[in-house]
Amino acid sequence: MDLFSSLADSKKNLLPQDGTVHYYGIILPYQEANSYLSHLLKNIAWKNDEAVIFGKHIRTKRKVAWYGDLPFSYTYSNSTKYALPWTTELLALKALVEKITKEHFNSCLLNLYHDGTEGMAWHSDAEKDLKPNGAIASLSFGAERKFAFKHKYTKETIGLTLAHGSLLVMKDTTQSYWYHRLPPTKRIAQARVNLTFRTIV
């Protein structure tokens, strides 16, 4: 099932069962989104992501950064990160996302994909540090990329394209029943920055 709509319906649940996903579409004017993208590329403390999988240390081309209300520790793929203090721009984006979603977030994991060859494999964000069934708000800047969901048991898949300056929210039991991924593609040469606002408990 593919969902490619130029007019997002933020009240519609994109998942047929076992979770809730809302796509709000573009929430920032084009020039403002460009300004934020430029700031994020230049001023965020980017580092190559690291993971320990089956005892092997892996360092990805994709870069990440972690910001929050407090120096929270966040562990995934056997790698622990500590949150940096918010920047002014990140606080402004957090406030905007909270106003739109009516949710509250205390941290943000940022991802930098330099081009389409960098992506993310099937996974779910179900780390013990996260609020159970809490909302995760994904704000996208830069290259438009396809984003996909796959049910853990029925294997049903759903895809949509995340636009520059757009917002997607995953909540309720989504992480328990669905995987998601950012599939790689050789057709995209531009960078994408993704902000995932979360709640650490």
C-alpha atoms as a PDB file:
ATOM      1  CA  MET A   1       0.000   0.000   0.000  1.00  0.00           C
ATOM      2  CA  ASP A   2       1.428   3.398  -1.001  1.00  0.00           C
ATOM      3  CA  LEU A   3       0.271   6.764   0.263  1.00  0.00           C
ATOM      4  CA  PHE A   4       1.350   9.634  -1.992  1.00  0.00           C
ATOM      5  CA  SER A   5      -0.918  12.591  -1.328  1.00  0.00           C
ATOM      6  CA  SER A   6      -0.130  16.225  -2.018  1.00  0.00           C
ATOM      7  CA  LEU A   7      -2.602  17.214   0.671  1.00  0.00           C
ATOM      8  CA  ALA A   8      -1.941  15.474   3.964  1.00  0.00           C
ATOM      9  CA  ASP A   9      -4.885  14.563   6.193  1.00  0.00           C
ATOM     10  CA  SER A  10      -3.420  14.848   9.682  1.00  0.00           C
ATOM     11  CA  LYS A  11      -6.528  13.296  11.278  1.00  0.00           C
ATOM     12  CA  LYS A  12      -6.233  10.090   9.267  1.00  0.00           C
ATOM     13  CA  ASN A  13      -4.416   7.148  10.839  1.00  0.00           C
ATOM     14  CA  LEU A  14      -2.094   5.757   8.162  1.00  0.00           C
ATOM     15  CA  LEU A  15      -1.937   2.370   9.889  1.00  0.00           C
ATOM     16  CA  PRO A  16      -4.825  -0.091   9.440  1.00  0.00           C
ATOM     17  CA  GLN A  17      -4.334  -1.610  12.909  1.00  0.00           C
ATOM     18  CA  ASP A  18      -2.083  -1.915  15.974  1.00  0.00           C
ATOM     19  CA  GLY A  19      -0.795   1.647  16.134  1.00  0.00           C
ATOM     20  CA  THR A  20      -1.280   5.278  15.188  1.00  0.00           C
ATOM     21  CA  VAL A  21       0.629   7.321  12.586  1.00  0.00           C
ATOM     22  CA  HIS A  22      -0.399  10.811  11.476  1.00  0.00           C
ATOM     23  CA  TYR A  23       1.238  12.714   8.619  1.00  0.00           C
ATOM     24  CA  TYR A  24       0.746  16.473   8.979  1.00  0.00           C
ATOM     25  CA  GLY A  25       2.468  17.269   5.701  1.00  0.00           C
ATOM     26  CA  ILE A  26       4.492  20.460   5.289  1.00  0.00           C
ATOM     27  CA  ILE A  27       4.292  22.638   8.409  1.00  0.00           C
ATOM     28  CA  LEU A  28       6.928  25.255   7.525  1.00  0.00           C
ATOM     29  CA  PRO A  29       7.079  27.738   4.630  1.00  0.00           C
ATOM     30  CA  TYR A  30       9.678  26.749   2.019  1.00  0.00           C
ATOM     31  CA  GLN A  31      12.166  29.558   2.753  1.00  0.00           C
ATOM     32  CA  GLU A  32      11.887  29.018   6.499  1.00  0.00           C
ATOM     33  CA  ALA A  33      12.498  25.296   6.056  1.00  0.00           C
ATOM     34  CA  ASN A  34      15.558  26.134   3.926  1.00  0.00           C
ATOM     35  CA  SER A  35      16.870  28.422   6.668  1.00  0.00           C
ATOM     36  CA  TYR A  36      16.477  25.726   9.311  1.00  0.00           C
ATOM     37  CA  LEU A  37      18.167  23.148   7.078  1.00  0.00           C
ATOM     38  CA  SER A  38      21.167  25.438   6.568  1.00  0.00           C
ATOM     39  CA  HIS A  39      21.439  26.028  10.318  1.00  0.00           C
ATOM     40  CA  LEU A  40      21.151  22.332  11.167  1.00  0.00           C
ATOM     41  CA  LEU A  41      23.824  21.319   8.658  1.00  0.00           C
ATOM     42  CA  LYS A  42      26.294  23.918   9.951  1.00  0.00           C
ATOM     43  CA  ASN A  43      25.655  24.221  13.680  1.00  0.00           C
ATOM     44  CA  ILE A  44      24.621  20.830  15.058  1.00  0.00           C
ATOM     45  CA  ALA A  45      27.306  18.732  16.799  1.00  0.00           C
ATOM     46  CA  TRP A  46      27.150  15.894  14.281  1.00  0.00           C
ATOM     47  CA  LYS A  47      29.001  12.619  14.909  1.00  0.00           C
ATOM     48  CA  ASN A  48      29.085   9.369  12.982  1.00  0.00           C
ATOM     49  CA  ASP A  49      26.618   6.939  14.494  1.00  0.00           C
ATOM     50  CA  GLU A  50      28.099   3.903  16.242  1.00  0.00           C
ATOM     51  CA  ALA A  51      26.638   0.543  17.154  1.00  0.00           C
ATOM     52  CA  VAL A  52      27.760  -2.828  18.488  1.00  0.00           C
ATOM     53  CA  ILE A  53      26.029  -5.633  16.593  1.00  0.00           C
ATOM     54  CA  PHE A  54      26.881  -9.271  17.328  1.00  0.00           C
ATOM     55  CA  GLY A  55      30.011  -8.071  19.109  1.00  0.00           C
ATOM     56  CA  LYS A  56      31.231  -6.081  16.108  1.00  0.00           C
ATOM     57  CA  HIS A  57      31.739  -2.312  16.386  1.00  0.00           C
ATOM     58  CA  ILE A  58      30.152  -0.483  13.437  1.00  0.00           C
ATOM     59  CA  ARG A  59      30.600   3.199  12.485  1.00  0.00           C
ATOM     60  CA  THR A  60      28.075   4.514   9.981  1.00  0.00           C
ATOM     61  CA  LYS A  61      28.402   7.236   7.339  1.00  0.00           C
ATOM     62  CA  ARG A  62      25.126   8.617   8.627  1.00  0.00           C
ATOM     63  CA  LYS A  63      25.671  11.163  11.383  1.00  0.00           C
ATOM     64  CA  VAL A  64      23.613  11.754  14.511  1.00  0.00           C
ATOM     65  CA  ALA A  65      23.230  14.221  17.370  1.00  0.00           C
ATOM     66  CA  TRP A  66      21.278  14.061  20.613  1.00  0.00           C
ATOM     67  CA  TYR A  67      19.804  17.059  22.475  1.00  0.00           C
ATOM     68  CA  GLY A  68      17.505  17.354  25.481  1.00  0.00           C
ATOM     69  CA  ASP A  69      16.204  19.097  28.595  1.00  0.00           C
ATOM     70  CA  LEU A  70      18.840  17.270  30.665  1.00  0.00           C
ATOM     71  CA  PRO A  71      21.982  15.258  29.783  1.00  0.00           C
ATOM     72  CA  PHE A  72      19.832  12.139  29.360  1.00  0.00           C
ATOM     73  CA  SER A  73      21.533   8.894  28.453  1.00  0.00           C
ATOM     74  CA  TYR A  74      19.983   7.030  25.542  1.00  0.00           C
ATOM     75  CA  THR A  75      21.062   3.526  24.548  1.00  0.00           C
ATOM     76  CA  TYR A  76      20.295   1.745  21.275  1.00  0.00           C
ATOM     77  CA  SER A  77      22.250  -0.881  19.304  1.00  0.00           C
ATOM     78  CA  ASN A  78      24.437  -1.307  22.421  1.00  0.00           C
ATOM     79  CA  SER A  79      25.684   2.281  22.111  1.00  0.00           C
ATOM     80  CA  THR A  80      24.974   5.012  24.700  1.00  0.00           C
ATOM     81  CA  LYS A  81      24.661   8.725  23.928  1.00  0.00           C
ATOM     82  CA  TYR A  82      24.274  11.705  26.272  1.00  0.00           C
ATOM     83  CA  ALA A  83      22.060  14.658  25.386  1.00  0.00           C
ATOM     84  CA  LEU A  84      23.525  18.099  24.699  1.00  0.00           C
ATOM     85  CA  PRO A  85      21.752  21.341  25.745  1.00  0.00           C
ATOM     86  CA  TRP A  86      19.122  22.599  23.299  1.00  0.00           C
ATOM     87  CA  THR A  87      20.050  25.196  20.706  1.00  0.00           C
ATOM     88  CA  THR A  88      17.725  28.177  20.193  1.00  0.00           C
ATOM     89  CA  GLU A  89      16.617  26.821  16.822  1.00  0.00           C
ATOM     90  CA  LEU A  90      15.872  23.341  18.169  1.00  0.00           C
ATOM     91  CA  LEU A  91      13.786  24.822  20.983  1.00  0.00           C
ATOM     92  CA  ALA A  92      11.794  26.830  18.426  1.00  0.00           C
ATOM     93  CA  LEU A  93      11.137  23.706  16.350  1.00  0.00           C
ATOM     94  CA  LYS A  94      10.221  21.717  19.471  1.00  0.00           C
ATOM     95  CA  ALA A  95       7.697  24.389  20.470  1.00  0.00           C
ATOM     96  CA  LEU A  96       6.162  24.337  16.974  1.00  0.00           C
ATOM     97  CA  VAL A  97       5.876  20.538  16.941  1.00  0.00           C
ATOM     98  CA  GLU A  98       4.378  20.495  20.443  1.00  0.00           C
ATOM     99  CA  LYS A  99       1.811  23.129  19.465  1.00  0.00           C
ATOM    100  CA  ILE A 100       0.719  21.139  16.411  1.00  0.00           C
ATOM    101  CA  THR A 101       0.694  17.683  18.009  1.00  0.00           C
ATOM    102  CA  LYS A 102      -0.483  18.645  21.528  1.00  0.00           C
ATOM    103  CA  GLU A 103       2.309  16.361  22.817  1.00  0.00           C
ATOM    104  CA  HIS A 104       5.284  17.176  25.057  1.00  0.00           C
ATOM    105  CA  PHE A 105       8.862  16.141  24.288  1.00  0.00           C
ATOM    106  CA  ASN A 106      12.043  16.419  26.352  1.00  0.00           C
ATOM    107  CA  SER A 107      14.669  15.309  23.832  1.00  0.00           C
ATOM    108  CA  CYS A 108      15.514  15.022  20.156  1.00  0.00           C
ATOM    109  CA  LEU A 109      17.622  12.569  18.166  1.00  0.00           C
ATOM    110  CA  LEU A 110      18.804  14.090  14.886  1.00  0.00           C
ATOM    111  CA  ASN A 111      19.957  12.149  11.818  1.00  0.00           C
ATOM    112  CA  LEU A 112      21.982  13.461   8.879  1.00  0.00           C
ATOM    113  CA  TYR A 113      21.825  11.459   5.644  1.00  0.00           C
ATOM    114  CA  HIS A 114      24.364  12.947   3.221  1.00  0.00           C
ATOM    115  CA  ASP A 115      22.601  11.514   0.154  1.00  0.00           C
ATOM    116  CA  GLY A 116      20.192   8.792  -0.873  1.00  0.00           C
ATOM    117  CA  THR A 117      22.706   5.973  -0.466  1.00  0.00           C
ATOM    118  CA  GLU A 118      22.461   6.410   3.308  1.00  0.00           C
ATOM    119  CA  GLY A 119      19.313   5.030   4.905  1.00  0.00           C
ATOM    120  CA  MET A 120      17.977   3.098   7.873  1.00  0.00           C
ATOM    121  CA  ALA A 121      17.118  -0.607   7.990  1.00  0.00           C
ATOM    122  CA  TRP A 122      13.875  -2.023   9.398  1.00  0.00           C
ATOM    123  CA  HIS A 123      13.657  -1.282  13.140  1.00  0.00           C
ATOM    124  CA  SER A 124      11.318  -0.061  15.856  1.00  0.00           C
ATOM    125  CA  ASP A 125      12.020   2.600  18.479  1.00  0.00           C
ATOM    126  CA  ALA A 126      11.194   0.562  21.572  1.00  0.00           C
ATOM    127  CA  GLU A 127      14.225   1.242  23.790  1.00  0.00           C
ATOM    128  CA  LYS A 128      13.598   1.032  27.547  1.00  0.00           C
ATOM    129  CA  ASP A 129      14.642   4.694  27.952  1.00  0.00           C
ATOM    130  CA  LEU A 130      11.607   5.883  25.965  1.00  0.00           C
ATOM    131  CA  LYS A 131       8.144   6.585  27.359  1.00  0.00           C
ATOM    132  CA  PRO A 132       6.065   3.426  26.713  1.00  0.00           C
ATOM    133  CA  ASN A 133       3.707   3.994  23.761  1.00  0.00           C
ATOM    134  CA  GLY A 134       4.771   7.639  23.749  1.00  0.00           C
ATOM    135  CA  ALA A 135       4.658   9.840  20.673  1.00  0.00           C
ATOM    136  CA  ILE A 136       7.695  10.272  18.413  1.00  0.00           C
ATOM    137  CA  ALA A 137       7.474  13.306  16.134  1.00  0.00           C
ATOM    138  CA  SER A 138       9.615  13.160  12.992  1.00  0.00           C
ATOM    139  CA  LEU A 139      10.412  16.494  11.303  1.00  0.00           C
ATOM    140  CA  SER A 140      12.126  16.295   7.897  1.00  0.00           C
ATOM    141  CA  PHE A 141      14.344  18.801   6.082  1.00  0.00           C
ATOM    142  CA  GLY A 142      16.116  18.564   2.737  1.00  0.00           C
ATOM    143  CA  ALA A 143      15.742  15.774   0.190  1.00  0.00           C
ATOM    144  CA  GLU A 144      12.342  14.143  -0.102  1.00  0.00           C
ATOM    145  CA  ARG A 145      12.695  10.489   0.885  1.00  0.00           C
ATOM    146  CA  LYS A 146      10.377   7.512   0.950  1.00  0.00           C
ATOM    147  CA  PHE A 147       9.537   6.197   4.433  1.00  0.00           C
ATOM    148  CA  ALA A 148       8.021   2.769   5.001  1.00  0.00           C
ATOM    149  CA  PHE A 149       6.258   0.717   7.683  1.00  0.00           C
ATOM    150  CA  LYS A 150       6.029  -3.086   7.947  1.00  0.00           C
ATOM    151  CA  HIS A 151       3.811  -4.970  10.388  1.00  0.00           C
ATOM    152  CA  LYS A 152       5.870  -7.348  12.527  1.00  0.00           C
ATOM    153  CA  TYR A 153       3.406 -10.231  12.157  1.00  0.00           C
ATOM    154  CA  THR A 154       1.225  -9.737   9.068  1.00  0.00           C
ATOM    155  CA  LYS A 155       4.179  -8.303   7.055  1.00  0.00           C
ATOM    156  CA  GLU A 156       1.842  -5.694   5.501  1.00  0.00           C
ATOM    157  CA  THR A 157       3.782  -2.669   4.248  1.00  0.00           C
ATOM    158  CA  ILE A 158       2.825   0.983   3.922  1.00  0.00           C
ATOM    159  CA  GLY A 159       4.906   3.743   2.318  1.00  0.00           C
ATOM    160  CA  LEU A 160       4.809   7.494   1.946  1.00  0.00           C
ATOM    161  CA  THR A 161       7.134  10.303   0.882  1.00  0.00           C
ATOM    162  CA  LEU A 162       8.333  12.738   3.560  1.00  0.00           C
ATOM    163  CA  ALA A 163       8.575  16.249   2.157  1.00  0.00           C
ATOM    164  CA  HIS A 164      10.964  19.090   3.041  1.00  0.00           C
ATOM    165  CA  GLY A 165       9.567  20.802   6.159  1.00  0.00           C
ATOM    166  CA  SER A 166       7.043  18.041   6.897  1.00  0.00           C
ATOM    167  CA  LEU A 167       5.947  16.353  10.128  1.00  0.00           C
ATOM    168  CA  LEU A 168       5.086  12.698  10.837  1.00  0.00           C
ATOM    169  CA  VAL A 169       3.996  11.409  14.270  1.00  0.00           C
ATOM    170  CA  MET A 170       4.094   7.778  15.468  1.00  0.00           C
ATOM    171  CA  LYS A 171       2.398   6.888  18.766  1.00  0.00           C
ATOM    172  CA  ASP A 172       0.404   4.385  20.829  1.00  0.00           C
ATOM    173  CA  THR A 173       1.398   0.761  20.058  1.00  0.00           C
ATOM    174  CA  THR A 174       3.099   1.544  16.734  1.00  0.00           C
ATOM    175  CA  GLN A 175       6.584   0.587  17.952  1.00  0.00           C
ATOM    176  CA  SER A 176       5.296  -2.705  19.403  1.00  0.00           C
ATOM    177  CA  TYR A 177       3.677  -3.905  16.185  1.00  0.00           C
ATOM    178  CA  TRP A 178       5.389  -2.078  13.322  1.00  0.00           C
ATOM    179  CA  TYR A 179       8.909  -1.691  11.974  1.00  0.00           C
ATOM    180  CA  HIS A 180       9.859   1.385   9.963  1.00  0.00           C
ATOM    181  CA  ARG A 181      12.747   2.212   7.656  1.00  0.00           C
ATOM    182  CA  LEU A 182      14.259   4.793   5.322  1.00  0.00           C
ATOM    183  CA  PRO A 183      15.194   2.777   2.221  1.00  0.00           C
ATOM    184  CA  PRO A 184      18.375   3.815   0.395  1.00  0.00           C
ATOM    185  CA  THR A 185      18.275   5.045  -3.191  1.00  0.00           C
ATOM    186  CA  LYS A 186      20.964   6.034  -5.695  1.00  0.00           C
ATOM    187  CA  ARG A 187      18.650   8.574  -7.335  1.00  0.00           C
ATOM    188  CA  ILE A 188      18.988  11.240  -4.615  1.00  0.00           C
ATOM    189  CA  ALA A 189      22.177  13.313  -4.285  1.00  0.00           C
ATOM    190  CA  GLN A 190      20.939  15.863  -1.746  1.00  0.00           C
ATOM    191  CA  ALA A 191      21.206  15.682   2.040  1.00  0.00           C
ATOM    192  CA  ARG A 192      18.312  15.035   4.411  1.00  0.00           C
ATOM    193  CA  VAL A 193      18.137  16.022   8.081  1.00  0.00           C
ATOM    194  CA  ASN A 194      15.570  14.322  10.283  1.00  0.00           C
ATOM    195  CA  LEU A 195      14.629  15.448  13.810  1.00  0.00           C
ATOM    196  CA  THR A 196      12.866  12.879  15.980  1.00  0.00           C
ATOM    197  CA  PHE A 197      11.398  14.464  19.100  1.00  0.00           C
ATOM    198  CA  ARG A 198      10.962  11.946  21.927  1.00  0.00           C
ATOM    199  CA  THR A 199      10.217  11.603  25.630  1.00  0.00           C
ATOM    200  CA  ILE A 200      12.830   9.984  27.853  1.00  0.00           C
ATOM    201  CA  VAL A 201      11.614   8.582  31.178  1.00  0.00           C
END
